[in-house]
Amino acid sequence: MVGIVVAKLDALRIVRLTGSLPENVNFALNSGVIRSFLNASGVEYQSEDSRVERTVADAAATARRYTFSIDCEH
């Protein structure tokens, strides 16, 4: 699993505009875009058949072992 955060919703702005606090708003990139980025950056990775079904709990347990944050500012 790979997650790349490219933007964050400005929740305070949405509250000011709508009066409601947004919840569970997420943005995603196609796996092909992520794969292209990793390849272009020379990052080695392993891929697996995505047709293998996993429970959410199994996926979360696997992700916890390999999850870390990289902050890039420009």
PDB file of N, CA and C in Angstrom:
ATOM      1  N   MET A   1       0.839  -1.176   0.000  1.00  0.00           N
ATOM      2  CA  MET A   1       0.000   0.000   0.000  1.00  0.00           C
ATOM      3  C   MET A   1       0.877   1.230   0.000  1.00  0.00           C
ATOM      4  N   VAL A   2       0.483   2.185  -0.779  1.00  0.00           N
ATOM      5  CA  VAL A   2       1.197   3.451  -0.836  1.00  0.00           C
ATOM      6  C   VAL A   2       0.168   4.553  -0.736  1.00  0.00           C
ATOM      7  N   GLY A   3       0.454   5.526   0.091  1.00  0.00           N
ATOM      8  CA  GLY A   3      -0.402   6.694   0.174  1.00  0.00           C
ATOM      9  C   GLY A   3       0.445   7.927  -0.024  1.00  0.00           C
ATOM     10  N   ILE A   4      -0.015   8.824  -0.838  1.00  0.00           N
ATOM     11  CA  ILE A   4       0.693  10.067  -1.072  1.00  0.00           C
ATOM     12  C   ILE A   4      -0.297  11.201  -0.853  1.00  0.00           C
ATOM     13  N   VAL A   5       0.022  12.064   0.083  1.00  0.00           N
ATOM     14  CA  VAL A   5      -0.831  13.215   0.335  1.00  0.00           C
ATOM     15  C   VAL A   5      -0.327  14.356  -0.525  1.00  0.00           C
ATOM     16  N   VAL A   6      -1.186  14.852  -1.380  1.00  0.00           N
ATOM     17  CA  VAL A   6      -0.796  15.957  -2.258  1.00  0.00           C
ATOM     18  C   VAL A   6      -1.518  17.251  -1.890  1.00  0.00           C
ATOM     19  N   ALA A   7      -2.560  17.137  -1.106  1.00  0.00           N
ATOM     20  CA  ALA A   7      -3.312  18.316  -0.704  1.00  0.00           C
ATOM     21  C   ALA A   7      -4.110  17.996   0.543  1.00  0.00           C
ATOM     22  N   LYS A   8      -4.461  19.041   1.256  1.00  0.00           N
ATOM     23  CA  LYS A   8      -5.291  18.868   2.431  1.00  0.00           C
ATOM     24  C   LYS A   8      -6.433  19.868   2.337  1.00  0.00           C
ATOM     25  N   LEU A   9      -7.612  19.410   2.628  1.00  0.00           N
ATOM     26  CA  LEU A   9      -8.788  20.261   2.596  1.00  0.00           C
ATOM     27  C   LEU A   9      -8.698  21.299   3.710  1.00  0.00           C
ATOM     28  N   ASP A  10      -8.990  22.535   3.411  1.00  0.00           N
ATOM     29  CA  ASP A  10      -8.999  23.599   4.410  1.00  0.00           C
ATOM     30  C   ASP A  10     -10.354  23.560   5.122  1.00  0.00           C
ATOM     31  N   ALA A  11     -10.419  22.778   6.201  1.00  0.00           N
ATOM     32  CA  ALA A  11     -11.674  22.557   6.911  1.00  0.00           C
ATOM     33  C   ALA A  11     -12.246  23.852   7.465  1.00  0.00           C
ATOM     34  N   LEU A  12     -11.390  24.753   7.966  1.00  0.00           N
ATOM     35  CA  LEU A  12     -11.890  26.018   8.512  1.00  0.00           C
ATOM     36  C   LEU A  12     -12.537  26.882   7.435  1.00  0.00           C
ATOM     37  N   ARG A  13     -11.965  26.866   6.247  1.00  0.00           N
ATOM     38  CA  ARG A  13     -12.558  27.631   5.140  1.00  0.00           C
ATOM     39  C   ARG A  13     -13.926  27.067   4.774  1.00  0.00           C
ATOM     40  N   ILE A  14     -14.023  25.737   4.745  1.00  0.00           N
ATOM     41  CA  ILE A  14     -15.314  25.104   4.419  1.00  0.00           C
ATOM     42  C   ILE A  14     -16.351  25.440   5.481  1.00  0.00           C
ATOM     43  N   VAL A  15     -15.936  25.443   6.753  1.00  0.00           N
ATOM     44  CA  VAL A  15     -16.870  25.804   7.831  1.00  0.00           C
ATOM     45  C   VAL A  15     -17.366  27.228   7.634  1.00  0.00           C
ATOM     46  N   ARG A  16     -16.446  28.146   7.320  1.00  0.00           N
ATOM     47  CA  ARG A  16     -16.852  29.541   7.107  1.00  0.00           C
ATOM     48  C   ARG A  16     -17.803  29.673   5.914  1.00  0.00           C
ATOM     49  N   LEU A  17     -17.557  28.895   4.865  1.00  0.00           N
ATOM     50  CA  LEU A  17     -18.387  28.990   3.661  1.00  0.00           C
ATOM     51  C   LEU A  17     -19.740  28.311   3.804  1.00  0.00           C
ATOM     52  N   THR A  18     -19.756  27.164   4.486  1.00  0.00           N
ATOM     53  CA  THR A  18     -20.980  26.354   4.520  1.00  0.00           C
ATOM     54  C   THR A  18     -21.627  26.240   5.891  1.00  0.00           C
ATOM     55  N   GLY A  19     -20.852  26.512   6.937  1.00  0.00           N
ATOM     56  CA  GLY A  19     -21.379  26.330   8.280  1.00  0.00           C
ATOM     57  C   GLY A  19     -21.278  24.892   8.760  1.00  0.00           C
ATOM     58  N   SER A  20     -20.724  24.018   7.930  1.00  0.00           N
ATOM     59  CA  SER A  20     -20.593  22.603   8.299  1.00  0.00           C
ATOM     60  C   SER A  20     -19.126  22.184   8.288  1.00  0.00           C
ATOM     61  N   LEU A  21     -18.766  21.354   9.254  1.00  0.00           N
ATOM     62  CA  LEU A  21     -17.411  20.817   9.319  1.00  0.00           C
ATOM     63  C   LEU A  21     -17.321  19.590   8.416  1.00  0.00           C
ATOM     64  N   PRO A  22     -16.446  19.618   7.414  1.00  0.00           N
ATOM     65  CA  PRO A  22     -16.335  18.452   6.526  1.00  0.00           C
ATOM     66  C   PRO A  22     -15.694  17.270   7.253  1.00  0.00           C
ATOM     67  N   GLU A  23     -16.184  16.078   6.958  1.00  0.00           N
ATOM     68  CA  GLU A  23     -15.639  14.864   7.566  1.00  0.00           C
ATOM     69  C   GLU A  23     -15.385  13.825   6.488  1.00  0.00           C
ATOM     70  N   ASN A  24     -14.353  13.027   6.699  1.00  0.00           N
ATOM     71  CA  ASN A  24     -14.028  11.903   5.815  1.00  0.00           C
ATOM     72  C   ASN A  24     -13.858  12.330   4.356  1.00  0.00           C
ATOM     73  N   VAL A  25     -13.164  13.427   4.139  1.00  0.00           N
ATOM     74  CA  VAL A  25     -12.874  13.894   2.789  1.00  0.00           C
ATOM     75  C   VAL A  25     -11.462  13.443   2.449  1.00  0.00           C
ATOM     76  N   ASN A  26     -11.329  12.654   1.393  1.00  0.00           N
ATOM     77  CA  ASN A  26     -10.038  12.116   1.008  1.00  0.00           C
ATOM     78  C   ASN A  26      -9.831  12.292  -0.491  1.00  0.00           C
ATOM     79  N   PHE A  27      -8.581  12.394  -0.874  1.00  0.00           N
ATOM     80  CA  PHE A  27      -8.215  12.499  -2.278  1.00  0.00           C
ATOM     81  C   PHE A  27      -7.293  11.322  -2.585  1.00  0.00           C
ATOM     82  N   ALA A  28      -7.324  10.818  -3.785  1.00  0.00           N
ATOM     83  CA  ALA A  28      -6.506   9.656  -4.121  1.00  0.00           C
ATOM     84  C   ALA A  28      -5.865   9.824  -5.492  1.00  0.00           C
ATOM     85  N   LEU A  29      -4.764   9.116  -5.669  1.00  0.00           N
ATOM     86  CA  LEU A  29      -4.097   9.045  -6.962  1.00  0.00           C
ATOM     87  C   LEU A  29      -4.209   7.625  -7.486  1.00  0.00           C
ATOM     88  N   ASN A  30      -4.337   7.502  -8.782  1.00  0.00           N
ATOM     89  CA  ASN A  30      -4.354   6.196  -9.437  1.00  0.00           C
ATOM     90  C   ASN A  30      -3.026   5.492  -9.164  1.00  0.00           C
ATOM     91  N   SER A  31      -3.053   4.182  -8.963  1.00  0.00           N
ATOM     92  CA  SER A  31      -1.832   3.434  -8.659  1.00  0.00           C
ATOM     93  C   SER A  31      -0.789   3.568  -9.767  1.00  0.00           C
ATOM     94  N   GLY A  32      -1.218   3.745 -11.006  1.00  0.00           N
ATOM     95  CA  GLY A  32      -0.278   3.930 -12.109  1.00  0.00           C
ATOM     96  C   GLY A  32       0.526   5.209 -11.962  1.00  0.00           C
ATOM     97  N   VAL A  33      -0.108   6.257 -11.456  1.00  0.00           N
ATOM     98  CA  VAL A  33       0.578   7.526 -11.226  1.00  0.00           C
ATOM     99  C   VAL A  33       1.627   7.348 -10.133  1.00  0.00           C
ATOM    100  N   ILE A  34       1.251   6.656  -9.066  1.00  0.00           N
ATOM    101  CA  ILE A  34       2.184   6.415  -7.963  1.00  0.00           C
ATOM    102  C   ILE A  34       3.357   5.562  -8.441  1.00  0.00           C
ATOM    103  N   ARG A  35       3.052   4.530  -9.207  1.00  0.00           N
ATOM    104  CA  ARG A  35       4.107   3.641  -9.732  1.00  0.00           C
ATOM    105  C   ARG A  35       5.069   4.429 -10.623  1.00  0.00           C
ATOM    106  N   SER A  36       4.549   5.283 -11.475  1.00  0.00           N
ATOM    107  CA  SER A  36       5.390   6.113 -12.342  1.00  0.00           C
ATOM    108  C   SER A  36       6.281   7.033 -11.519  1.00  0.00           C
ATOM    109  N   PHE A  37       5.733   7.638 -10.473  1.00  0.00           N
ATOM    110  CA  PHE A  37       6.506   8.514  -9.602  1.00  0.00           C
ATOM    111  C   PHE A  37       7.638   7.742  -8.927  1.00  0.00           C
ATOM    112  N   LEU A  38       7.327   6.564  -8.381  1.00  0.00           N
ATOM    113  CA  LEU A  38       8.352   5.764  -7.713  1.00  0.00           C
ATOM    114  C   LEU A  38       9.436   5.334  -8.700  1.00  0.00           C
ATOM    115  N   ASN A  39       9.034   4.904  -9.887  1.00  0.00           N
ATOM    116  CA  ASN A  39      10.008   4.497 -10.912  1.00  0.00           C
ATOM    117  C   ASN A  39      10.912   5.666 -11.303  1.00  0.00           C
ATOM    118  N   ALA A  40      10.327   6.823 -11.540  1.00  0.00           N
ATOM    119  CA  ALA A  40      11.105   7.994 -11.946  1.00  0.00           C
ATOM    120  C   ALA A  40      12.047   8.460 -10.846  1.00  0.00           C
ATOM    121  N   SER A  41      11.684   8.175  -9.603  1.00  0.00           N
ATOM    122  CA  SER A  41      12.496   8.593  -8.462  1.00  0.00           C
ATOM    123  C   SER A  41      13.509   7.532  -8.041  1.00  0.00           C
ATOM    124  N   GLY A  42      13.509   6.399  -8.735  1.00  0.00           N
ATOM    125  CA  GLY A  42      14.454   5.333  -8.413  1.00  0.00           C
ATOM    126  C   GLY A  42      14.153   4.617  -7.108  1.00  0.00           C
ATOM    127  N   VAL A  43      12.892   4.616  -6.701  1.00  0.00           N
ATOM    128  CA  VAL A  43      12.493   3.960  -5.454  1.00  0.00           C
ATOM    129  C   VAL A  43      12.109   2.514  -5.755  1.00  0.00           C
ATOM    130  N   GLU A  44      12.762   1.592  -5.059  1.00  0.00           N
ATOM    131  CA  GLU A  44      12.421   0.181  -5.235  1.00  0.00           C
ATOM    132  C   GLU A  44      11.168  -0.141  -4.427  1.00  0.00           C
ATOM    133  N   TYR A  45      10.346  -0.995  -4.964  1.00  0.00           N
ATOM    134  CA  TYR A  45       9.125  -1.402  -4.271  1.00  0.00           C
ATOM    135  C   TYR A  45       8.719  -2.791  -4.733  1.00  0.00           C
ATOM    136  N   GLN A  46       7.838  -3.396  -3.980  1.00  0.00           N
ATOM    137  CA  GLN A  46       7.287  -4.697  -4.356  1.00  0.00           C
ATOM    138  C   GLN A  46       5.804  -4.509  -4.632  1.00  0.00           C
ATOM    139  N   SER A  47       5.311  -5.228  -5.597  1.00  0.00           N
ATOM    140  CA  SER A  47       3.875  -5.163  -5.862  1.00  0.00           C
ATOM    141  C   SER A  47       3.287  -6.559  -5.722  1.00  0.00           C
ATOM    142  N   GLU A  48       1.998  -6.568  -5.522  1.00  0.00           N
ATOM    143  CA  GLU A  48       1.283  -7.808  -5.268  1.00  0.00           C
ATOM    144  C   GLU A  48       0.014  -7.815  -6.106  1.00  0.00           C
ATOM    145  N   ASP A  49      -0.493  -8.972  -6.402  1.00  0.00           N
ATOM    146  CA  ASP A  49      -1.742  -9.092  -7.152  1.00  0.00           C
ATOM    147  C   ASP A  49      -2.862  -8.396  -6.385  1.00  0.00           C
ATOM    148  N   SER A  50      -3.431  -7.360  -6.975  1.00  0.00           N
ATOM    149  CA  SER A  50      -4.458  -6.588  -6.280  1.00  0.00           C
ATOM    150  C   SER A  50      -5.804  -7.312  -6.204  1.00  0.00           C
ATOM    151  N   ARG A  51      -5.891  -8.463  -6.839  1.00  0.00           N
ATOM    152  CA  ARG A  51      -7.165  -9.198  -6.780  1.00  0.00           C
ATOM    153  C   ARG A  51      -7.263 -10.065  -5.525  1.00  0.00           C
ATOM    154  N   VAL A  52      -6.190 -10.083  -4.722  1.00  0.00           N
ATOM    155  CA  VAL A  52      -6.221 -10.827  -3.467  1.00  0.00           C
ATOM    156  C   VAL A  52      -7.089 -10.040  -2.489  1.00  0.00           C
ATOM    157  N   GLU A  53      -8.105 -10.703  -1.960  1.00  0.00           N
ATOM    158  CA  GLU A  53      -9.003 -10.009  -1.039  1.00  0.00           C
ATOM    159  C   GLU A  53      -8.449 -10.053   0.375  1.00  0.00           C
ATOM    160  N   ARG A  54      -8.510  -8.918   1.053  1.00  0.00           N
ATOM    161  CA  ARG A  54      -8.082  -8.801   2.438  1.00  0.00           C
ATOM    162  C   ARG A  54      -9.162  -8.056   3.208  1.00  0.00           C
ATOM    163  N   THR A  55      -9.226  -8.358   4.476  1.00  0.00           N
ATOM    164  CA  THR A  55     -10.140  -7.583   5.312  1.00  0.00           C
ATOM    165  C   THR A  55      -9.481  -6.241   5.604  1.00  0.00           C
ATOM    166  N   VAL A  56     -10.266  -5.282   6.026  1.00  0.00           N
ATOM    167  CA  VAL A  56      -9.728  -3.973   6.391  1.00  0.00           C
ATOM    168  C   VAL A  56      -8.727  -4.129   7.533  1.00  0.00           C
ATOM    169  N   ALA A  57      -9.042  -4.995   8.498  1.00  0.00           N
ATOM    170  CA  ALA A  57      -8.143  -5.219   9.638  1.00  0.00           C
ATOM    171  C   ALA A  57      -6.802  -5.787   9.177  1.00  0.00           C
ATOM    172  N   ASP A  58      -6.825  -6.742   8.238  1.00  0.00           N
ATOM    173  CA  ASP A  58      -5.577  -7.316   7.716  1.00  0.00           C
ATOM    174  C   ASP A  58      -4.751  -6.263   6.982  1.00  0.00           C
ATOM    175  N   ALA A  59      -5.407  -5.468   6.157  1.00  0.00           N
ATOM    176  CA  ALA A  59      -4.706  -4.423   5.412  1.00  0.00           C
ATOM    177  C   ALA A  59      -4.103  -3.397   6.368  1.00  0.00           C
ATOM    178  N   ALA A  60      -4.844  -3.019   7.404  1.00  0.00           N
ATOM    179  CA  ALA A  60      -4.346  -2.044   8.383  1.00  0.00           C
ATOM    180  C   ALA A  60      -3.159  -2.603   9.154  1.00  0.00           C
ATOM    181  N   ALA A  61      -3.218  -3.868   9.542  1.00  0.00           N
ATOM    182  CA  ALA A  61      -2.112  -4.490  10.279  1.00  0.00           C
ATOM    183  C   ALA A  61      -0.854  -4.524   9.418  1.00  0.00           C
ATOM    184  N   THR A  62      -1.003  -4.842   8.153  1.00  0.00           N
ATOM    185  CA  THR A  62       0.146  -4.861   7.242  1.00  0.00           C
ATOM    186  C   THR A  62       0.698  -3.450   7.067  1.00  0.00           C
ATOM    187  N   ALA A  63      -0.171  -2.488   6.874  1.00  0.00           N
ATOM    188  CA  ALA A  63       0.250  -1.107   6.637  1.00  0.00           C
ATOM    189  C   ALA A  63       0.996  -0.522   7.831  1.00  0.00           C
ATOM    190  N   ARG A  64       0.585  -0.877   9.044  1.00  0.00           N
ATOM    191  CA  ARG A  64       1.244  -0.338  10.238  1.00  0.00           C
ATOM    192  C   ARG A  64       2.727  -0.701  10.286  1.00  0.00           C
ATOM    193  N   ARG A  65       3.077  -1.856   9.752  1.00  0.00           N
ATOM    194  CA  ARG A  65       4.477  -2.307   9.799  1.00  0.00           C
ATOM    195  C   ARG A  65       5.369  -1.486   8.868  1.00  0.00           C
ATOM    196  N   TYR A  66       4.804  -0.857   7.876  1.00  0.00           N
ATOM    197  CA  TYR A  66       5.599  -0.177   6.852  1.00  0.00           C
ATOM    198  C   TYR A  66       5.260   1.297   6.683  1.00  0.00           C
ATOM    199  N   THR A  67       4.469   1.856   7.564  1.00  0.00           N
ATOM    200  CA  THR A  67       3.997   3.220   7.385  1.00  0.00           C
ATOM    201  C   THR A  67       4.935   4.227   8.040  1.00  0.00           C
ATOM    202  N   PHE A  68       5.285   5.238   7.282  1.00  0.00           N
ATOM    203  CA  PHE A  68       6.063   6.343   7.825  1.00  0.00           C
ATOM    204  C   PHE A  68       5.731   7.591   7.019  1.00  0.00           C
ATOM    205  N   SER A  69       6.063   8.708   7.571  1.00  0.00           N
ATOM    206  CA  SER A  69       5.722   9.981   6.937  1.00  0.00           C
ATOM    207  C   SER A  69       6.983  10.635   6.376  1.00  0.00           C
ATOM    208  N   ILE A  70       6.856  11.166   5.193  1.00  0.00           N
ATOM    209  CA  ILE A  70       7.914  11.954   4.573  1.00  0.00           C
ATOM    210  C   ILE A  70       7.294  13.302   4.234  1.00  0.00           C
ATOM    211  N   ASP A  71       7.800  14.363   4.841  1.00  0.00           N
ATOM    212  CA  ASP A  71       7.273  15.702   4.570  1.00  0.00           C
ATOM    213  C   ASP A  71       8.208  16.420   3.612  1.00  0.00           C
ATOM    214  N   CYS A  72       7.654  16.909   2.539  1.00  0.00           N
ATOM    215  CA  CYS A  72       8.432  17.655   1.549  1.00  0.00           C
ATOM    216  C   CYS A  72       7.854  19.068   1.453  1.00  0.00           C
ATOM    217  N   GLU A  73       8.701  20.047   1.626  1.00  0.00           N
ATOM    218  CA  GLU A  73       8.259  21.427   1.500  1.00  0.00           C
ATOM    219  C   GLU A  73       9.084  22.097   0.422  1.00  0.00           C
ATOM    220  N   HIS A  74       8.438  22.950  -0.315  1.00  0.00           N
ATOM    221  CA  HIS A  74       9.175  23.665  -1.345  1.00  0.00           C
ATOM    222  C   HIS A  74       8.901  25.136  -1.302  1.00  0.00           C
TER     223      HIS A  74
END
